[in-house]
Structures are given as structure tokens and as C-alpha cells.
């Protein structure tokens, strides 16, 4: 059995606990009712947008959310472990909605967690600009979250229950999406030609006809008949690592040249032959701060270079050699013919001519 002293101590402890919770609840109710209702609500806003869409493929951009509300719990110095701030947005879900069919959102709703007054959170979206021209396209950021509306207690005297009542909120924020051309890599010229049976150096001119820079651009070739070896297979035979000295930065509207070695088959047919290549680059330099998030994405494009294959130089030399011998033989035969022609009296003979009868003189 419990004595009167034990009952009194348990009631005192319960009363003290109830007192603190009621004090927190009263303080919370006071903070919501004594001030403007809008000051006790979350105030979410788009602080910045990093990234953009380009017409070359799917792109990723990042949205920085910020809670502009003023914290009630901080001003009232309420116990932080109770987390009774009505200005905190809880369980935030962000969804990107496009208002133009040319911009197709590829990612679903993103979770942003909870945001107290003055706090930030980043959400990431992927979208595709299908047939869109360069410009600004309308979109919306649909936000759903909850907030603490009130705190109440049950009627038990000894161990009352604390009841937290949350309300669901939703809003939409305008989020214009920028569509750019991005880096557009072209091959306007290939200087030089491949020679059968030899390793030759080509100069490949690469141009950026887009509106953004291509950083650390690299050209890599893959063998394909009649080309036996190409690129790093010839230039770095003893090193499996790529030659990063060949990386180049191409600003919008600029061009650069790449030296490309190719080894061609000895019996290659003269004319243009395709050489598969890949061009890899980054959109812009990577970084750790928010201003650089998403700007270091890599891109890879597959192309085919049309390389001119010359005629076999050795075959041509042999043909010239035999042609020279044939000409010498023809000239020798002509010389012998004309020499005999002159020896025979300009080529005339007495065959077929009538001879006058000779007179026989008798003595």
C-alpha cells in the first residue's frame, strides 16, 4: 500500500508537469492571439533559382526555399524541446508544375523537410524542353505543409495528455523557367587526310555555336574500319590515363583545334570514311556554394568525323615506275624504226618499178 506521503509526492510532481505544459500552451495561445495572425504563420518564398533548361536534353535546376516568418518561440523564450513555434512549416512537399506543354517536368514531388523562421532548404527538379525556343516559360511551385495551430490538455488530474493540433496548408509560387540554347558543338572543318598503311595526324576544328560555354571539352576517337587505331591509342600507348592537356574551354561563339592521330589500313579505299568520336564537356565549373550548384554537370555527345582517305602512295609510285618503263620502251622502238627507215633510203625500194631494157654491145 502507498502511504499518504507517496500519494502527495506523486500529485505534486504531476501538478508541476501540468503547470509547465499549461504554461507553454498559454504562452503559445497568447503569442498567436496577441499579435497579428499572419505573424504566427509560415511565410515560404523562393529565395533563388540556380540552373536552367537547354534544348539539348534533360536539365537539372535547384530552387532555394526560405521561411520569411518571424519566430514566436524565439521571441517568447519558450523551451526549444517543445517545438511549439506556429511559424515552422513542417513536412514540406514541393512540386513543379509547368504551364507550357513545351516544358515537361520529369521529376515528381520533392520533400524539403521542415523550415523554421529564417531557415533555408534546397529542392532539385529535372525537366525537358521539347521543341522549345530560347526564352522564359511559365511554371509554378506547388507547396504543401502543416503548422502547429494549438495545444490543449486532457481533463485528467494526475497525468493529463498534451494534444498538439496541426493544420494543413498549401500554396503556389510563380517559378518562371529559363530555356537556353546551351553549348552547341559543331565540327566545321577537318584539316589533313589519312594515308593507307600510315599513321597520320589530322587537325579537327571544334566550334561552339551555342550561347553557353563548354568547359574541359575533350575529343575521343573510336576505331572503325578502315582505321586501325586512333587518338590516345597512338598518342599515349604506354599510359592508360587520358591526356588531360588536351582539354579545352570553349566560350560561346569560339572554336579550337584538336590534333588527332589515325592509323589506316594499307588496302583502304580512297574517299571519305566515318570515324566515330565522342565529345565530352561540362556546362560550367563546379562549386560548393549555392551559386555554383548544378553548374558542373557533364555532357557527352557522339558524332562521326568524315575523314578523307588518300590513294595509296606506294601504289602510285609503282604505277609511275611502270609507266616510265613503258614510255622508255615505246621511245626505243620508235628510235629503231626511224633509224631503219633512213637506212633504206628514206624507206623507198625498187620493188614494182619497170626497168628499161639494157643494150648489149657486141664487139
Protein backbone atom coordinates (compact mmCIF):
# COMPACT_ATOMS: atom_id res chain seq x y z
CA UNK A 1 0.00 0.00 0.00
CA UNK A 2 1.01 3.50 -0.68
CA UNK A 3 1.18 5.81 2.20
CA UNK A 4 -0.21 9.32 2.27
CA UNK A 5 3.28 10.69 1.71
CA UNK A 6 3.80 8.81 -1.53
CA UNK A 7 0.42 9.95 -2.89
CA UNK A 8 1.19 13.54 -2.04
CA UNK A 9 4.60 13.44 -3.79
CA UNK A 10 3.15 11.92 -6.97
CA UNK A 11 0.38 14.50 -7.05
CA UNK A 12 2.91 17.30 -6.57
CA UNK A 13 5.07 16.01 -9.47
CA UNK A 14 2.03 15.66 -11.72
CA UNK A 15 0.91 19.13 -10.80
CA UNK A 16 4.32 20.58 -11.60
CA UNK A 17 4.40 18.85 -15.01
CA UNK A 18 0.88 20.00 -15.75
CA UNK A 19 1.82 23.52 -14.72
CA UNK A 20 4.72 23.73 -17.21
CA UNK A 21 2.73 22.32 -20.07
CA UNK A 22 -0.18 24.61 -19.38
CA UNK A 23 2.26 27.50 -19.16
CA UNK A 24 3.65 26.58 -22.58
CA UNK A 25 0.16 26.22 -24.01
CA UNK A 26 -0.97 29.55 -22.56
CA UNK A 27 2.17 31.20 -23.88
CA UNK A 28 1.53 29.68 -27.31
CA UNK A 29 -2.10 30.82 -27.32
CA UNK A 30 -1.00 34.26 -26.21
CA UNK A 31 1.57 34.55 -28.99
CA UNK A 32 -1.00 33.66 -31.66
CA UNK A 33 -3.86 35.79 -30.35
CA UNK A 34 -1.98 38.80 -29.03
CA UNK A 35 -0.25 39.52 -32.32
CA UNK A 36 -1.35 39.57 -35.95
CA UNK A 37 -2.39 36.13 -37.20
CA UNK A 38 -0.06 36.39 -40.20
CA UNK A 39 2.96 36.75 -37.92
CA UNK A 40 2.30 33.29 -36.49
CA UNK A 41 2.16 31.51 -39.85
CA UNK A 42 4.96 30.15 -42.05
CA UNK A 43 5.90 32.50 -44.88
CA UNK A 44 7.64 30.42 -47.55
CA UNK A 45 9.25 32.09 -50.52
CA UNK A 46 11.65 31.27 -53.38
CA UNK A 47 14.98 32.79 -52.47
CA UNK A 48 16.86 31.85 -55.67
CA UNK A 49 16.83 29.52 -58.67
CA UNK A 50 20.09 28.01 -59.91
CA UNK A 51 20.31 26.24 -63.22
CA UNK A 52 18.29 26.38 -66.42
CA UNK A 53 16.90 24.20 -69.18
CA UNK A 54 18.61 23.83 -72.52
CA UNK A 55 17.37 22.46 -75.81
CA UNK A 56 19.96 19.64 -75.97
CA UNK A 57 18.34 17.32 -73.43
CA UNK A 58 17.09 16.92 -69.83
CA UNK A 59 18.42 19.54 -67.42
CA UNK A 60 18.51 19.93 -63.65
CA UNK A 61 17.95 23.12 -61.68
CA UNK A 62 17.75 23.90 -57.97
CA UNK A 63 15.26 26.01 -56.03
CA UNK A 64 16.21 27.55 -52.67
CA UNK A 65 13.22 27.88 -50.32
CA UNK A 66 13.28 30.37 -47.43
CA UNK A 67 10.91 30.87 -44.49
CA UNK A 68 10.47 34.61 -44.01
CA UNK A 69 8.30 34.27 -40.90
CA UNK A 70 9.28 35.72 -37.51
CA UNK A 71 9.75 33.06 -34.87
CA UNK A 72 7.33 33.33 -31.96
CA UNK A 73 9.06 30.75 -29.79
CA UNK A 74 12.38 32.54 -30.01
CA UNK A 75 10.90 35.87 -29.01
CA UNK A 76 8.99 34.35 -26.05
CA UNK A 77 11.96 32.22 -24.96
CA UNK A 78 9.90 29.05 -24.87
CA UNK A 79 11.64 25.74 -24.25
CA UNK A 80 13.15 24.64 -27.58
CA UNK A 81 12.43 20.95 -26.95
CA UNK A 82 8.68 21.64 -27.10
CA UNK A 83 8.96 23.00 -30.68
CA UNK A 84 5.72 24.98 -30.36
CA UNK A 85 6.54 27.65 -32.95
CA UNK A 86 3.46 28.11 -35.18
CA UNK A 87 5.68 29.74 -37.82
CA UNK A 88 7.52 26.49 -38.53
CA UNK A 89 6.47 24.77 -41.77
CA UNK A 90 6.54 21.00 -41.24
CA UNK A 91 6.67 18.17 -43.78
CA UNK A 92 7.12 20.42 -46.78
CA UNK A 93 6.38 18.87 -50.19
CA UNK A 94 7.36 20.84 -53.30
CA UNK A 95 6.05 20.00 -56.76
CA UNK A 96 6.97 21.74 -60.01
CA UNK A 97 4.05 22.36 -62.37
CA UNK A 98 4.65 23.56 -65.93
CA UNK A 99 2.11 25.81 -67.63
CA UNK A 100 3.57 25.23 -71.11
CA UNK A 101 3.47 21.87 -72.87
CA UNK A 102 6.94 22.50 -74.36
CA UNK A 103 8.46 22.20 -70.89
CA UNK A 104 7.91 18.70 -69.49
CA UNK A 105 8.68 18.07 -65.80
CA UNK A 106 10.48 14.74 -65.32
CA UNK A 107 10.77 14.71 -61.51
CA UNK A 108 7.93 14.20 -59.07
CA UNK A 109 7.18 15.96 -55.77
CA UNK A 110 10.27 16.62 -53.64
CA UNK A 111 10.48 16.53 -49.83
CA UNK A 112 12.01 19.61 -48.21
CA UNK A 113 11.62 18.66 -44.54
CA UNK A 114 10.73 21.38 -42.01
CA UNK A 115 11.64 25.04 -42.14
CA UNK A 116 11.68 27.28 -39.11
CA UNK A 117 11.75 31.07 -39.33
CA UNK A 118 14.83 32.21 -41.26
CA UNK A 119 15.79 28.70 -42.39
CA UNK A 120 16.51 27.52 -45.96
CA UNK A 121 16.07 24.28 -47.90
CA UNK A 122 17.00 23.26 -51.44
CA UNK A 123 14.82 21.18 -53.75
CA UNK A 124 16.00 19.71 -57.05
CA UNK A 125 13.97 19.30 -60.23
CA UNK A 126 14.63 17.81 -63.66
CA UNK A 127 12.76 18.93 -66.76
CA UNK A 128 12.98 18.65 -70.53
CA UNK A 129 12.44 21.43 -73.06
CA UNK A 130 10.81 19.66 -76.01
CA UNK A 131 10.89 21.83 -79.11
CA UNK A 132 11.05 24.97 -77.00
CA UNK A 133 12.78 28.08 -78.24
CA UNK A 134 15.08 30.21 -76.15
CA UNK A 135 13.10 32.27 -73.64
CA UNK A 136 11.18 32.30 -70.35
CA UNK A 137 8.37 29.79 -69.78
CA UNK A 138 5.73 29.95 -67.02
CA UNK A 139 5.72 27.39 -64.23
CA UNK A 140 4.54 27.12 -60.61
CA UNK A 141 5.98 25.66 -57.44
CA UNK A 142 3.18 23.92 -55.51
CA UNK A 143 3.92 23.71 -51.77
CA UNK A 144 2.13 21.60 -49.18
CA UNK A 145 2.98 21.58 -45.47
CA UNK A 146 1.49 21.74 -41.97
CA UNK A 147 1.81 24.07 -38.99
CA UNK A 148 1.03 23.83 -35.27
CA UNK A 149 -2.29 25.55 -34.62
CA UNK A 150 -2.91 24.97 -30.93
CA UNK A 151 -2.01 22.90 -27.88
CA UNK A 152 -4.61 21.52 -25.46
CA UNK A 153 -4.65 19.16 -22.48
CA UNK A 154 -6.99 16.43 -21.31
CA UNK A 155 -9.03 16.68 -18.10
CA UNK A 156 -7.17 14.05 -16.05
CA UNK A 157 -5.88 15.47 -12.80
CA UNK A 158 -2.86 13.24 -12.26
CA UNK A 159 -1.43 12.60 -15.78
CA UNK A 160 -3.13 14.80 -18.36
CA UNK A 161 -2.49 14.26 -22.08
CA UNK A 162 -0.97 17.04 -24.16
CA UNK A 163 -2.73 17.35 -27.53
CA UNK A 164 -0.99 19.10 -30.45
CA UNK A 165 -3.35 20.18 -33.21
CA UNK A 166 -1.80 20.71 -36.70
CA UNK A 167 -3.36 22.34 -39.71
CA UNK A 168 -2.58 21.59 -43.37
CA UNK A 169 -1.63 24.46 -45.65
CA UNK A 170 -0.88 24.73 -49.37
CA UNK A 171 0.18 27.49 -51.71
CA UNK A 172 1.61 28.06 -55.16
CA UNK A 173 4.53 30.32 -56.02
CA UNK A 174 5.34 31.52 -59.55
CA UNK A 175 8.55 29.99 -60.87
CA UNK A 176 9.49 31.12 -64.41
CA UNK A 177 11.78 28.63 -66.14
CA UNK A 178 14.59 29.86 -68.36
CA UNK A 179 15.31 27.90 -71.54
CA UNK A 180 18.66 28.49 -73.24
CA UNK A 181 20.39 27.02 -76.26
CA UNK A 182 23.30 25.77 -74.17
CA UNK A 183 26.60 24.67 -75.70
CA UNK A 184 26.16 23.56 -79.30
CA UNK A 185 29.24 21.71 -80.52
CA UNK A 186 29.90 21.51 -84.26
CA UNK A 187 32.78 20.22 -86.44
CA UNK A 188 33.16 22.80 -89.23
CA UNK A 189 36.46 21.53 -90.67
CA UNK A 190 38.92 18.62 -90.68
CA UNK A 191 42.37 19.52 -91.94
CA UNK A 192 44.57 16.80 -93.42
CA UNK A 193 43.91 13.36 -94.83
CA UNK A 194 44.62 9.77 -93.86
CA UNK A 195 47.08 7.73 -95.92
CA UNK A 196 46.74 3.95 -96.27
CA UNK A 197 49.25 1.96 -94.25
CA UNK A 198 50.49 5.00 -92.34
CA UNK A 199 49.85 6.89 -89.10
CA UNK A 200 48.84 10.44 -89.98
CA UNK A 201 47.88 13.48 -87.91
CA UNK A 202 44.60 15.28 -88.52
CA UNK A 203 43.57 18.68 -87.23
CA UNK A 204 39.93 18.69 -86.12
CA UNK A 205 38.34 22.12 -85.68
CA UNK A 206 35.62 22.15 -82.97
CA UNK A 207 33.28 25.15 -82.68
CA UNK A 208 30.75 26.14 -80.02
CA UNK A 209 27.75 27.68 -81.77
CA UNK A 210 25.60 27.81 -78.62
CA UNK A 211 25.04 30.54 -76.04
CA UNK A 212 26.92 28.97 -73.09
CA UNK A 213 30.50 27.87 -72.51
CA UNK A 214 31.65 24.25 -72.77
CA UNK A 215 34.30 23.62 -70.10
CA UNK A 216 37.04 20.95 -70.28
CA UNK A 217 35.95 19.82 -73.72
CA UNK A 218 37.63 16.62 -74.88
CA UNK A 219 37.58 14.76 -78.20
CA UNK A 220 37.95 10.95 -78.13
CA UNK A 221 38.03 8.73 -81.23
CA UNK A 222 36.98 5.07 -81.50
CA UNK A 223 38.47 2.69 -84.07
CA UNK A 224 36.34 1.68 -87.02
CA UNK A 225 37.49 0.16 -90.37
CA UNK A 226 39.47 1.29 -92.28
CA UNK A 227 41.05 2.94 -89.21
CA UNK A 228 43.04 0.53 -87.07
CA UNK A 229 43.99 2.86 -84.20
CA UNK A 230 43.13 6.42 -83.30
CA UNK A 231 43.55 9.12 -80.69
CA UNK A 232 45.08 8.17 -77.33
CA UNK A 233 45.79 4.65 -78.58
CA UNK A 234 48.52 6.18 -80.72
CA UNK A 235 49.46 9.21 -78.65
CA UNK A 236 49.62 7.52 -75.22
CA UNK A 237 50.48 3.87 -75.88
CA UNK A 238 52.24 3.47 -72.50
CA UNK A 239 49.69 5.37 -70.45
CA UNK A 240 46.14 4.19 -69.96
CA UNK A 241 45.07 7.51 -68.50
CA UNK A 242 43.70 10.18 -70.85
CA UNK A 243 45.84 13.14 -71.76
CA UNK A 244 44.16 15.95 -69.86
CA UNK A 245 46.40 18.50 -71.54
CA UNK A 246 44.01 18.14 -74.50
CA UNK A 247 41.11 19.58 -72.50
CA UNK A 248 39.94 22.92 -73.84
CA UNK A 249 37.41 25.55 -72.75
CA UNK A 250 35.11 26.80 -75.50
CA UNK A 251 33.23 30.00 -74.88
CA UNK A 252 30.05 30.67 -76.84
CA UNK A 253 30.94 31.55 -80.43
CA UNK A 254 34.57 30.35 -80.18
CA UNK A 255 36.48 27.46 -81.78
CA UNK A 256 39.55 25.33 -81.02
CA UNK A 257 41.66 22.74 -82.84
CA UNK A 258 42.43 19.19 -81.69
CA UNK A 259 45.28 17.06 -83.06
CA UNK A 260 44.07 13.53 -83.83
CA UNK A 261 46.35 10.65 -84.88
CA UNK A 262 44.91 7.82 -87.02
CA UNK A 263 46.44 4.61 -88.37
CA UNK A 264 44.80 3.47 -91.61
CA UNK A 265 44.66 0.04 -93.25
CA UNK A 266 47.04 -0.49 -96.14
CA UNK A 267 44.26 -1.53 -98.54
CA UNK A 268 41.86 1.26 -97.59
CA UNK A 269 39.60 2.51 -100.36
CA UNK A 270 40.23 6.16 -101.29
CA UNK A 271 37.44 8.59 -100.36
CA UNK A 272 35.63 9.72 -97.23
CA UNK A 273 35.30 7.23 -94.34
CA UNK A 274 33.45 7.77 -91.00
CA UNK A 275 35.45 7.83 -87.77
CA UNK A 276 33.23 7.54 -84.63
CA UNK A 277 34.10 10.04 -81.92
CA UNK A 278 32.68 11.32 -78.64
CA UNK A 279 32.85 14.86 -77.31
CA UNK A 280 32.56 15.34 -73.54
CA UNK A 281 32.41 18.62 -71.63
CA UNK A 282 30.94 20.33 -68.58
CA UNK A 283 28.43 23.14 -68.65
CA UNK A 284 30.47 25.36 -66.30
CA UNK A 285 32.94 24.98 -63.41
CA UNK A 286 31.64 23.09 -60.33
CA UNK A 287 31.45 24.65 -56.88
CA UNK A 288 30.29 24.03 -53.35
CA UNK A 289 28.24 27.16 -52.65
CA UNK A 290 24.68 27.72 -53.78
CA UNK A 291 25.71 29.95 -56.67
CA UNK A 292 27.54 27.02 -58.27
CA UNK A 293 25.14 24.15 -57.54
CA UNK A 294 24.20 22.26 -60.69
CA UNK A 295 26.62 24.16 -62.94
CA UNK A 296 29.17 21.39 -63.13
CA UNK A 297 27.00 18.79 -64.86
CA UNK A 298 28.79 16.75 -67.53
CA UNK A 299 27.55 16.06 -71.02
CA UNK A 300 28.64 13.62 -73.72
CA UNK A 301 27.79 13.70 -77.41
CA UNK A 302 28.52 11.03 -80.06
CA UNK A 303 29.47 12.19 -83.55
CA UNK A 304 31.12 10.78 -86.69
CA UNK A 305 34.00 12.54 -88.42
CA UNK A 306 34.21 12.19 -92.20
CA UNK A 307 37.93 11.65 -92.83
CA UNK A 308 39.39 11.82 -96.32
CA UNK A 309 41.48 8.75 -97.21
CA UNK A 310 44.03 9.39 -99.95
CA UNK A 311 45.13 6.89 -102.58
CA UNK A 312 47.95 4.52 -101.63
CA UNK A 313 51.15 6.49 -102.23
CA UNK A 314 53.20 3.29 -102.72
CA UNK A 315 50.82 2.00 -105.37
CA UNK A 316 51.04 5.31 -107.17
CA UNK A 317 54.82 5.19 -107.13
CA UNK A 318 54.84 1.72 -108.64
CA UNK A 319 52.38 2.80 -111.28
CA UNK A 320 54.58 5.75 -112.17
CA UNK A 321 57.60 3.44 -112.31
CA UNK A 322 55.97 1.02 -114.73
CA UNK A 323 54.56 3.88 -116.77
CA UNK A 324 58.09 5.30 -117.09
CA UNK A 325 59.47 1.95 -118.26
CA UNK A 326 56.66 1.63 -120.79
CA UNK A 327 57.40 5.09 -122.18
CA UNK A 328 61.10 4.27 -122.48
CA UNK A 329 60.30 1.07 -124.39
CA UNK A 330 57.99 2.92 -126.73
CA UNK A 331 60.62 5.59 -127.41
CA UNK A 332 63.29 2.91 -128.02
CA UNK A 333 61.08 1.10 -130.50
CA UNK A 334 60.33 4.34 -132.31
CA UNK A 335 64.02 5.19 -132.47
CA UNK A 336 64.92 1.82 -134.02
CA UNK A 337 62.11 2.11 -136.53
CA UNK A 338 63.10 5.56 -137.75
CA UNK A 339 66.79 4.55 -137.91
CA UNK A 340 65.98 1.66 -140.25
CA UNK A 341 63.71 3.95 -142.20
CA UNK A 342 66.55 6.32 -143.02
CA UNK A 343 68.99 3.49 -143.78
CA UNK A 344 66.73 2.11 -146.53
CA UNK A 345 66.76 5.34 -148.46
CA UNK A 346 64.09 7.20 -146.75
CA UNK A 347 62.16 3.99 -146.77
CA UNK A 348 61.83 3.69 -150.66
CA UNK A 349 62.59 0.43 -152.53
CA UNK A 350 62.67 -0.56 -156.24
CA UNK A 351 60.04 -3.19 -155.96
CA UNK A 352 57.24 -2.75 -158.50
CA UNK A 353 59.08 -0.31 -160.77
CA UNK A 354 59.60 -1.02 -164.54
CA UNK A 355 63.21 -1.22 -165.62
CA UNK A 356 64.40 -0.10 -169.05
CA UNK A 357 65.96 -2.90 -171.18
CA UNK A 358 69.73 -2.65 -171.28
CA UNK A 359 71.52 -2.68 -174.60
CA UNK A 360 74.08 -5.40 -175.21
CA UNK A 361 77.05 -4.13 -177.11
CA UNK A 362 78.76 -6.72 -179.20
CA UNK A 363 82.34 -6.28 -180.16
